Amino acid sequence: MTGTIFNCVMIIIGSTVGSLMNKGLKERYQNILMQAMGFAAIALGLNAVVQFMPKSNEPVLFIVSLAIGAVIGEKLDVEKNFNSFVGRFSKGPLAKGLSTAILLFCIGTLSILGPINSALQGDYTYLITNGILDGVTSMVLASTFGFGIALSAVAVFLWQGLFYVLALFLNDFMTAELLTEISIIGGILIFATGISILGIKNIKGLNMLPALLIPPLYFIIKSFF
């Protein structure tokens, strides 16, 4: 878990620096930084989709996963409940900033493959790289939304910790095929986040998160036939 701890520390440091910048940063600079983050999210999302979609042996699975996951997420209204929860502790746009941060930090190839490589091979390369990227990203987000972005470090720790534990105890189940499908869906969610950041369309990204659970369920069912 050393790599994950490094990742979380970088988020906290980035959030601290960004929140200090926030006090002296004019609104027009905050706006341009958020636009830059929007384009970065779109680029990262597209890269994941282009990289992993050709490797997929289940070309329709990501479509089915998004459809089912979106319906489940909308039924549970994940985004509204998340915003209400954050709203108890902070007034203003922090909820939007946190939801954006969690999607950017968690639903990415490095944040998934990193803890798996750490657990199976003792290789922290992905997590160190991811930590540096998240540190810069959290600094930009905190410059607009404040130090509360640091709370996303908790989500990152739990998310990466989950994959770390799964890799240790379910080594045979965490196949390259499953990770490919998860990465495709993750890329699409990150792309959608970028669109929301740019203000092109308000997309309920958190309501689509259950889509990430569909591929594991599919492969579990498939293993019995």
C-alpha atoms as a PDB file:
ATOM      1  CA  MET A   1       0.000   0.000   0.000  1.00  0.00           C
ATOM      2  CA  THR A   2       3.072   2.257  -0.041  1.00  0.00           C
ATOM      3  CA  GLY A   3       2.272   3.518  -3.544  1.00  0.00           C
ATOM      4  CA  THR A   4      -1.338   4.289  -2.613  1.00  0.00           C
ATOM      5  CA  ILE A   5      -0.241   6.212   0.481  1.00  0.00           C
ATOM      6  CA  PHE A   6       2.133   8.236  -1.720  1.00  0.00           C
ATOM      7  CA  ASN A   7      -0.755   8.918  -4.116  1.00  0.00           C
ATOM      8  CA  CYS A   8      -2.990  10.162  -1.283  1.00  0.00           C
ATOM      9  CA  VAL A   9      -0.249  12.340   0.208  1.00  0.00           C
ATOM     10  CA  MET A  10       0.301  13.982  -3.193  1.00  0.00           C
ATOM     11  CA  ILE A  11      -3.422  14.787  -3.391  1.00  0.00           C
ATOM     12  CA  ILE A  12      -3.333  16.402   0.051  1.00  0.00           C
ATOM     13  CA  ILE A  13      -0.211  18.405  -0.821  1.00  0.00           C
ATOM     14  CA  GLY A  14      -1.693  19.478  -4.147  1.00  0.00           C
ATOM     15  CA  SER A  15      -4.953  20.487  -2.465  1.00  0.00           C
ATOM     16  CA  THR A  16      -3.059  22.522   0.125  1.00  0.00           C
ATOM     17  CA  VAL A  17      -1.041  24.397  -2.496  1.00  0.00           C
ATOM     18  CA  GLY A  18      -4.115  24.901  -4.661  1.00  0.00           C
ATOM     19  CA  SER A  19      -6.198  26.269  -1.796  1.00  0.00           C
ATOM     20  CA  LEU A  20      -3.462  28.792  -1.024  1.00  0.00           C
ATOM     21  CA  MET A  21      -3.456  29.818  -4.681  1.00  0.00           C
ATOM     22  CA  ASN A  22      -7.225  30.169  -4.493  1.00  0.00           C
ATOM     23  CA  LYS A  23      -6.970  33.144  -2.144  1.00  0.00           C
ATOM     24  CA  GLY A  24      -4.952  35.224  -4.587  1.00  0.00           C
ATOM     25  CA  LEU A  25      -6.083  33.797  -7.920  1.00  0.00           C
ATOM     26  CA  LYS A  26      -8.399  35.926 -10.011  1.00  0.00           C
ATOM     27  CA  GLU A  27     -11.608  34.374 -11.306  1.00  0.00           C
ATOM     28  CA  ARG A  28     -10.516  34.494 -14.930  1.00  0.00           C
ATOM     29  CA  TYR A  29      -7.450  32.403 -14.075  1.00  0.00           C
ATOM     30  CA  GLN A  30      -9.591  29.918 -12.163  1.00  0.00           C
ATOM     31  CA  ASN A  31     -11.858  29.628 -15.203  1.00  0.00           C
ATOM     32  CA  ILE A  32      -9.018  29.022 -17.638  1.00  0.00           C
ATOM     33  CA  LEU A  33      -7.502  26.410 -15.304  1.00  0.00           C
ATOM     34  CA  MET A  34     -10.823  24.559 -15.146  1.00  0.00           C
ATOM     35  CA  GLN A  35     -11.077  24.668 -18.939  1.00  0.00           C
ATOM     36  CA  ALA A  36      -7.592  23.181 -19.116  1.00  0.00           C
ATOM     37  CA  MET A  37      -8.684  20.408 -16.731  1.00  0.00           C
ATOM     38  CA  GLY A  38     -11.766  19.769 -18.855  1.00  0.00           C
ATOM     39  CA  PHE A  39      -9.678  19.249 -21.978  1.00  0.00           C
ATOM     40  CA  ALA A  40      -7.203  17.119 -20.013  1.00  0.00           C
ATOM     41  CA  ALA A  41     -10.032  14.869 -18.784  1.00  0.00           C
ATOM     42  CA  ILE A  42     -11.380  14.486 -22.315  1.00  0.00           C
ATOM     43  CA  ALA A  43      -7.900  13.590 -23.595  1.00  0.00           C
ATOM     44  CA  LEU A  44      -7.345  11.037 -20.806  1.00  0.00           C
ATOM     45  CA  GLY A  45     -10.752   9.483 -21.420  1.00  0.00           C
ATOM     46  CA  LEU A  46     -10.227   9.235 -25.170  1.00  0.00           C
ATOM     47  CA  ASN A  47      -6.767   7.763 -24.652  1.00  0.00           C
ATOM     48  CA  ALA A  48      -8.142   4.990 -22.429  1.00  0.00           C
ATOM     49  CA  VAL A  49     -10.921   4.132 -24.885  1.00  0.00           C
ATOM     50  CA  VAL A  50      -8.615   4.142 -27.924  1.00  0.00           C
ATOM     51  CA  GLN A  51      -5.980   2.133 -26.064  1.00  0.00           C
ATOM     52  CA  PHE A  52      -8.230  -0.594 -24.668  1.00  0.00           C
ATOM     53  CA  MET A  53     -11.180  -0.927 -27.045  1.00  0.00           C
ATOM     54  CA  PRO A  54      -9.141  -2.770 -29.748  1.00  0.00           C
ATOM     55  CA  LYS A  55      -8.124  -5.292 -27.062  1.00  0.00           C
ATOM     56  CA  SER A  56     -11.709  -6.063 -26.057  1.00  0.00           C
ATOM     57  CA  ASN A  57     -13.130  -9.499 -26.797  1.00  0.00           C
ATOM     58  CA  GLU A  58     -16.587  -8.335 -25.676  1.00  0.00           C
ATOM     59  CA  PRO A  59     -17.354  -5.367 -27.995  1.00  0.00           C
ATOM     60  CA  VAL A  60     -20.907  -4.904 -26.726  1.00  0.00           C
ATOM     61  CA  LEU A  61     -20.218  -5.306 -22.999  1.00  0.00           C
ATOM     62  CA  PHE A  62     -19.308  -1.660 -22.359  1.00  0.00           C
ATOM     63  CA  ILE A  63     -22.576  -0.523 -23.999  1.00  0.00           C
ATOM     64  CA  VAL A  64     -24.671  -2.913 -21.906  1.00  0.00           C
ATOM     65  CA  SER A  65     -22.689  -2.003 -18.780  1.00  0.00           C
ATOM     66  CA  LEU A  66     -23.236   1.723 -19.280  1.00  0.00           C
ATOM     67  CA  ALA A  67     -26.948   1.236 -19.936  1.00  0.00           C
ATOM     68  CA  ILE A  68     -27.572  -1.002 -16.915  1.00  0.00           C
ATOM     69  CA  GLY A  69     -25.220   0.959 -14.661  1.00  0.00           C
ATOM     70  CA  ALA A  70     -26.794   4.297 -15.589  1.00  0.00           C
ATOM     71  CA  VAL A  71     -30.296   3.007 -14.807  1.00  0.00           C
ATOM     72  CA  ILE A  72     -29.152   1.623 -11.444  1.00  0.00           C
ATOM     73  CA  GLY A  73     -27.266   4.817 -10.632  1.00  0.00           C
ATOM     74  CA  GLU A  74     -30.228   6.987 -11.590  1.00  0.00           C
ATOM     75  CA  LYS A  75     -32.560   4.842  -9.489  1.00  0.00           C
ATOM     76  CA  LEU A  76     -30.251   5.195  -6.494  1.00  0.00           C
ATOM     77  CA  ASP A  77     -29.568   8.820  -7.472  1.00  0.00           C
ATOM     78  CA  VAL A  78     -25.932   8.461  -6.458  1.00  0.00           C
ATOM     79  CA  GLU A  79     -25.017  12.018  -7.467  1.00  0.00           C
ATOM     80  CA  LYS A  80     -27.839  13.677  -5.517  1.00  0.00           C
ATOM     81  CA  ASN A  81     -27.078  11.659  -2.385  1.00  0.00           C
ATOM     82  CA  PHE A  82     -23.379  12.429  -2.738  1.00  0.00           C
ATOM     83  CA  ASN A  83     -24.052  16.146  -3.111  1.00  0.00           C
ATOM     84  CA  SER A  84     -26.372  16.081  -0.090  1.00  0.00           C
ATOM     85  CA  PHE A  85     -23.724  14.316   1.983  1.00  0.00           C
ATOM     86  CA  VAL A  86     -20.991  16.792   1.033  1.00  0.00           C
ATOM     87  CA  GLY A  87     -23.437  19.669   1.534  1.00  0.00           C
ATOM     88  CA  ARG A  88     -23.654  18.796   5.233  1.00  0.00           C
ATOM     89  CA  PHE A  89     -20.038  19.768   5.648  1.00  0.00           C
ATOM     90  CA  SER A  90     -19.602  22.493   3.070  1.00  0.00           C
ATOM     91  CA  LYS A  91     -21.704  25.080   1.320  1.00  0.00           C
ATOM     92  CA  GLY A  92     -21.040  26.103  -2.257  1.00  0.00           C
ATOM     93  CA  PRO A  93     -19.639  24.211  -5.256  1.00  0.00           C
ATOM     94  CA  LEU A  94     -17.399  21.786  -3.311  1.00  0.00           C
ATOM     95  CA  ALA A  95     -19.668  18.822  -4.114  1.00  0.00           C
ATOM     96  CA  LYS A  96     -19.142  19.363  -7.832  1.00  0.00           C
ATOM     97  CA  GLY A  97     -15.410  19.688  -7.327  1.00  0.00           C
ATOM     98  CA  LEU A  98     -15.214  16.541  -5.204  1.00  0.00           C
ATOM     99  CA  SER A  99     -17.271  14.436  -7.615  1.00  0.00           C
ATOM    100  CA  THR A 100     -15.005  15.600 -10.437  1.00  0.00           C
ATOM    101  CA  ALA A 101     -11.893  14.832  -8.401  1.00  0.00           C
ATOM    102  CA  ILE A 102     -13.092  11.355  -7.421  1.00  0.00           C
ATOM    103  CA  LEU A 103     -13.860  10.446 -11.035  1.00  0.00           C
ATOM    104  CA  LEU A 104     -10.532  11.787 -12.288  1.00  0.00           C
ATOM    105  CA  PHE A 105      -8.485  10.190  -9.502  1.00  0.00           C
ATOM    106  CA  CYS A 106     -10.236   6.819  -9.231  1.00  0.00           C
ATOM    107  CA  ILE A 107     -11.664   5.924 -12.631  1.00  0.00           C
ATOM    108  CA  GLY A 108      -8.399   5.762 -14.499  1.00  0.00           C
ATOM    109  CA  THR A 109      -6.129   3.056 -15.833  1.00  0.00           C
ATOM    110  CA  LEU A 110      -3.217   3.930 -13.539  1.00  0.00           C
ATOM    111  CA  SER A 111      -5.453   3.992 -10.449  1.00  0.00           C
ATOM    112  CA  ILE A 112      -6.686   0.476 -11.264  1.00  0.00           C
ATOM    113  CA  LEU A 113      -3.577  -1.211 -12.625  1.00  0.00           C
ATOM    114  CA  GLY A 114      -1.309   0.554 -10.094  1.00  0.00           C
ATOM    115  CA  PRO A 115      -2.503  -1.202  -6.913  1.00  0.00           C
ATOM    116  CA  ILE A 116      -2.743  -4.516  -8.801  1.00  0.00           C
ATOM    117  CA  ASN A 117       0.881  -4.307  -9.970  1.00  0.00           C
ATOM    118  CA  SER A 118       1.868  -3.206  -6.478  1.00  0.00           C
ATOM    119  CA  ALA A 119       0.208  -6.249  -4.900  1.00  0.00           C
ATOM    120  CA  LEU A 120       1.339  -8.866  -7.419  1.00  0.00           C
ATOM    121  CA  GLN A 121       4.772  -7.639  -8.492  1.00  0.00           C
ATOM    122  CA  GLY A 122       5.817  -5.056  -5.896  1.00  0.00           C
ATOM    123  CA  ASP A 123       5.997  -2.511  -8.728  1.00  0.00           C
ATOM    124  CA  TYR A 124       5.042   1.034  -7.677  1.00  0.00           C
ATOM    125  CA  THR A 125       5.762   2.723 -11.020  1.00  0.00           C
ATOM    126  CA  TYR A 126       2.099   3.234 -11.986  1.00  0.00           C
ATOM    127  CA  LEU A 127       1.132   4.529  -8.551  1.00  0.00           C
ATOM    128  CA  ILE A 128       4.034   6.971  -8.322  1.00  0.00           C
ATOM    129  CA  THR A 129       3.205   8.296 -11.789  1.00  0.00           C
ATOM    130  CA  ASN A 130      -0.464   8.495 -10.865  1.00  0.00           C
ATOM    131  CA  GLY A 131       0.373  10.256  -7.590  1.00  0.00           C
ATOM    132  CA  ILE A 132       2.310  12.996  -9.386  1.00  0.00           C
ATOM    133  CA  LEU A 133      -0.509  13.489 -11.900  1.00  0.00           C
ATOM    134  CA  ASP A 134      -3.133  13.571  -9.132  1.00  0.00           C
ATOM    135  CA  GLY A 135      -1.038  16.044  -7.157  1.00  0.00           C
ATOM    136  CA  VAL A 136      -1.030  18.492 -10.056  1.00  0.00           C
ATOM    137  CA  THR A 137      -4.722  17.889 -10.781  1.00  0.00           C
ATOM    138  CA  SER A 138      -5.747  18.386  -7.133  1.00  0.00           C
ATOM    139  CA  MET A 139      -3.789  21.636  -7.065  1.00  0.00           C
ATOM    140  CA  VAL A 140      -5.759  22.937 -10.049  1.00  0.00           C
ATOM    141  CA  LEU A 141      -9.098  21.766  -8.634  1.00  0.00           C
ATOM    142  CA  ALA A 142      -8.371  23.160  -5.159  1.00  0.00           C
ATOM    143  CA  SER A 143      -7.473  26.524  -6.692  1.00  0.00           C
ATOM    144  CA  THR A 144     -11.147  26.723  -7.664  1.00  0.00           C
ATOM    145  CA  PHE A 145     -13.018  24.612  -5.092  1.00  0.00           C
ATOM    146  CA  GLY A 146     -10.788  24.973  -2.047  1.00  0.00           C
ATOM    147  CA  PHE A 147      -8.976  22.604   0.315  1.00  0.00           C
ATOM    148  CA  GLY A 148     -12.027  20.314   0.524  1.00  0.00           C
ATOM    149  CA  ILE A 149     -10.679  18.569  -2.584  1.00  0.00           C
ATOM    150  CA  ALA A 150      -8.258  16.833  -0.206  1.00  0.00           C
ATOM    151  CA  LEU A 151     -11.200  14.684   0.962  1.00  0.00           C
ATOM    152  CA  SER A 152     -10.931  12.841  -2.352  1.00  0.00           C
ATOM    153  CA  ALA A 153      -7.772  11.227  -0.931  1.00  0.00           C
ATOM    154  CA  VAL A 154     -10.047   9.091   1.269  1.00  0.00           C
ATOM    155  CA  ALA A 155     -11.934   7.823  -1.784  1.00  0.00           C
ATOM    156  CA  VAL A 156      -8.637   7.124  -3.578  1.00  0.00           C
ATOM    157  CA  PHE A 157      -7.310   5.157  -0.594  1.00  0.00           C
ATOM    158  CA  LEU A 158     -10.462   3.013  -0.391  1.00  0.00           C
ATOM    159  CA  TRP A 159     -10.652   2.535  -4.172  1.00  0.00           C
ATOM    160  CA  GLN A 160      -7.035   1.530  -4.672  1.00  0.00           C
ATOM    161  CA  GLY A 161      -7.108  -0.487  -1.456  1.00  0.00           C
ATOM    162  CA  LEU A 162     -10.002  -2.488  -2.878  1.00  0.00           C
ATOM    163  CA  PHE A 163      -8.042  -3.448  -5.987  1.00  0.00           C
ATOM    164  CA  TYR A 164      -4.964  -4.170  -3.895  1.00  0.00           C
ATOM    165  CA  VAL A 165      -6.884  -6.636  -1.720  1.00  0.00           C
ATOM    166  CA  LEU A 166      -8.676  -8.170  -4.707  1.00  0.00           C
ATOM    167  CA  ALA A 167      -5.350  -8.700  -6.459  1.00  0.00           C
ATOM    168  CA  LEU A 168      -3.961 -10.490  -3.401  1.00  0.00           C
ATOM    169  CA  PHE A 169      -6.927 -12.800  -2.828  1.00  0.00           C
ATOM    170  CA  LEU A 170      -8.468 -13.065  -6.313  1.00  0.00           C
ATOM    171  CA  ASN A 171      -5.361 -13.195  -8.446  1.00  0.00           C
ATOM    172  CA  ASP A 172      -6.888 -15.541 -11.026  1.00  0.00           C
ATOM    173  CA  PHE A 173     -10.060 -13.456 -11.339  1.00  0.00           C
ATOM    174  CA  MET A 174      -8.304 -10.130 -12.050  1.00  0.00           C
ATOM    175  CA  THR A 175      -7.602 -11.009 -15.660  1.00  0.00           C
ATOM    176  CA  ALA A 176      -6.353  -8.678 -18.374  1.00  0.00           C
ATOM    177  CA  GLU A 177      -9.693  -9.178 -20.125  1.00  0.00           C
ATOM    178  CA  LEU A 178     -11.661  -7.863 -17.136  1.00  0.00           C
ATOM    179  CA  LEU A 179      -9.308  -4.912 -16.630  1.00  0.00           C
ATOM    180  CA  THR A 180      -9.687  -4.039 -20.318  1.00  0.00           C
ATOM    181  CA  GLU A 181     -13.472  -3.773 -20.014  1.00  0.00           C
ATOM    182  CA  ILE A 182     -13.246  -1.732 -16.806  1.00  0.00           C
ATOM    183  CA  SER A 183     -10.715   0.611 -18.422  1.00  0.00           C
ATOM    184  CA  ILE A 184     -12.975   1.228 -21.436  1.00  0.00           C
ATOM    185  CA  ILE A 185     -15.905   2.194 -19.221  1.00  0.00           C
ATOM    186  CA  GLY A 186     -13.605   4.254 -16.998  1.00  0.00           C
ATOM    187  CA  GLY A 187     -12.325   6.126 -20.039  1.00  0.00           C
ATOM    188  CA  ILE A 188     -15.868   6.962 -21.127  1.00  0.00           C
ATOM    189  CA  LEU A 189     -16.738   8.243 -17.635  1.00  0.00           C
ATOM    190  CA  ILE A 190     -13.629  10.434 -17.556  1.00  0.00           C
ATOM    191  CA  PHE A 191     -14.502  11.773 -21.020  1.00  0.00           C
ATOM    192  CA  ALA A 192     -17.998  12.588 -19.757  1.00  0.00           C
ATOM    193  CA  THR A 193     -16.474  14.376 -16.778  1.00  0.00           C
ATOM    194  CA  GLY A 194     -14.453  16.554 -19.135  1.00  0.00           C
ATOM    195  CA  ILE A 195     -17.598  17.533 -21.024  1.00  0.00           C
ATOM    196  CA  SER A 196     -19.239  18.548 -17.735  1.00  0.00           C
ATOM    197  CA  ILE A 197     -16.213  20.565 -16.622  1.00  0.00           C
ATOM    198  CA  LEU A 198     -16.242  22.481 -19.909  1.00  0.00           C
ATOM    199  CA  GLY A 199     -19.944  23.243 -19.436  1.00  0.00           C
ATOM    200  CA  ILE A 200     -20.908  21.614 -22.746  1.00  0.00           C
ATOM    201  CA  LYS A 201     -23.505  19.451 -21.022  1.00  0.00           C
ATOM    202  CA  ASN A 202     -24.210  18.647 -17.384  1.00  0.00           C
ATOM    203  CA  ILE A 203     -23.677  14.883 -17.189  1.00  0.00           C
ATOM    204  CA  LYS A 204     -24.432  12.930 -14.020  1.00  0.00           C
ATOM    205  CA  GLY A 205     -21.132  11.089 -13.981  1.00  0.00           C
ATOM    206  CA  LEU A 206     -21.563   9.639 -10.494  1.00  0.00           C
ATOM    207  CA  ASN A 207     -24.888   8.085 -11.510  1.00  0.00           C
ATOM    208  CA  MET A 208     -22.992   6.073 -14.117  1.00  0.00           C
ATOM    209  CA  LEU A 209     -20.459   4.639 -11.666  1.00  0.00           C
ATOM    210  CA  PRO A 210     -22.431   1.373 -11.156  1.00  0.00           C
ATOM    211  CA  ALA A 211     -21.504   0.569 -14.771  1.00  0.00           C
ATOM    212  CA  LEU A 212     -18.063  -0.418 -13.465  1.00  0.00           C
ATOM    213  CA  LEU A 213     -19.644  -3.291 -11.513  1.00  0.00           C
ATOM    214  CA  ILE A 214     -21.263  -4.921 -14.544  1.00  0.00           C
ATOM    215  CA  PRO A 215     -18.100  -6.407 -16.181  1.00  0.00           C
ATOM    216  CA  PRO A 216     -17.015  -8.252 -12.988  1.00  0.00           C
ATOM    217  CA  LEU A 217     -20.547  -9.657 -12.606  1.00  0.00           C
ATOM    218  CA  TYR A 218     -20.554 -10.671 -16.272  1.00  0.00           C
ATOM    219  CA  PHE A 219     -17.250 -12.539 -15.984  1.00  0.00           C
ATOM    220  CA  ILE A 220     -18.375 -14.251 -12.768  1.00  0.00           C
ATOM    221  CA  ILE A 221     -21.532 -15.504 -14.489  1.00  0.00           C
ATOM    222  CA  LYS A 222     -19.559 -16.430 -17.604  1.00  0.00           C
ATOM    223  CA  SER A 223     -17.142 -18.554 -15.559  1.00  0.00           C
ATOM    224  CA  PHE A 224     -20.012 -20.896 -14.629  1.00  0.00           C
ATOM    225  CA  PHE A 225     -20.861 -21.674 -18.268  1.00  0.00           C
END
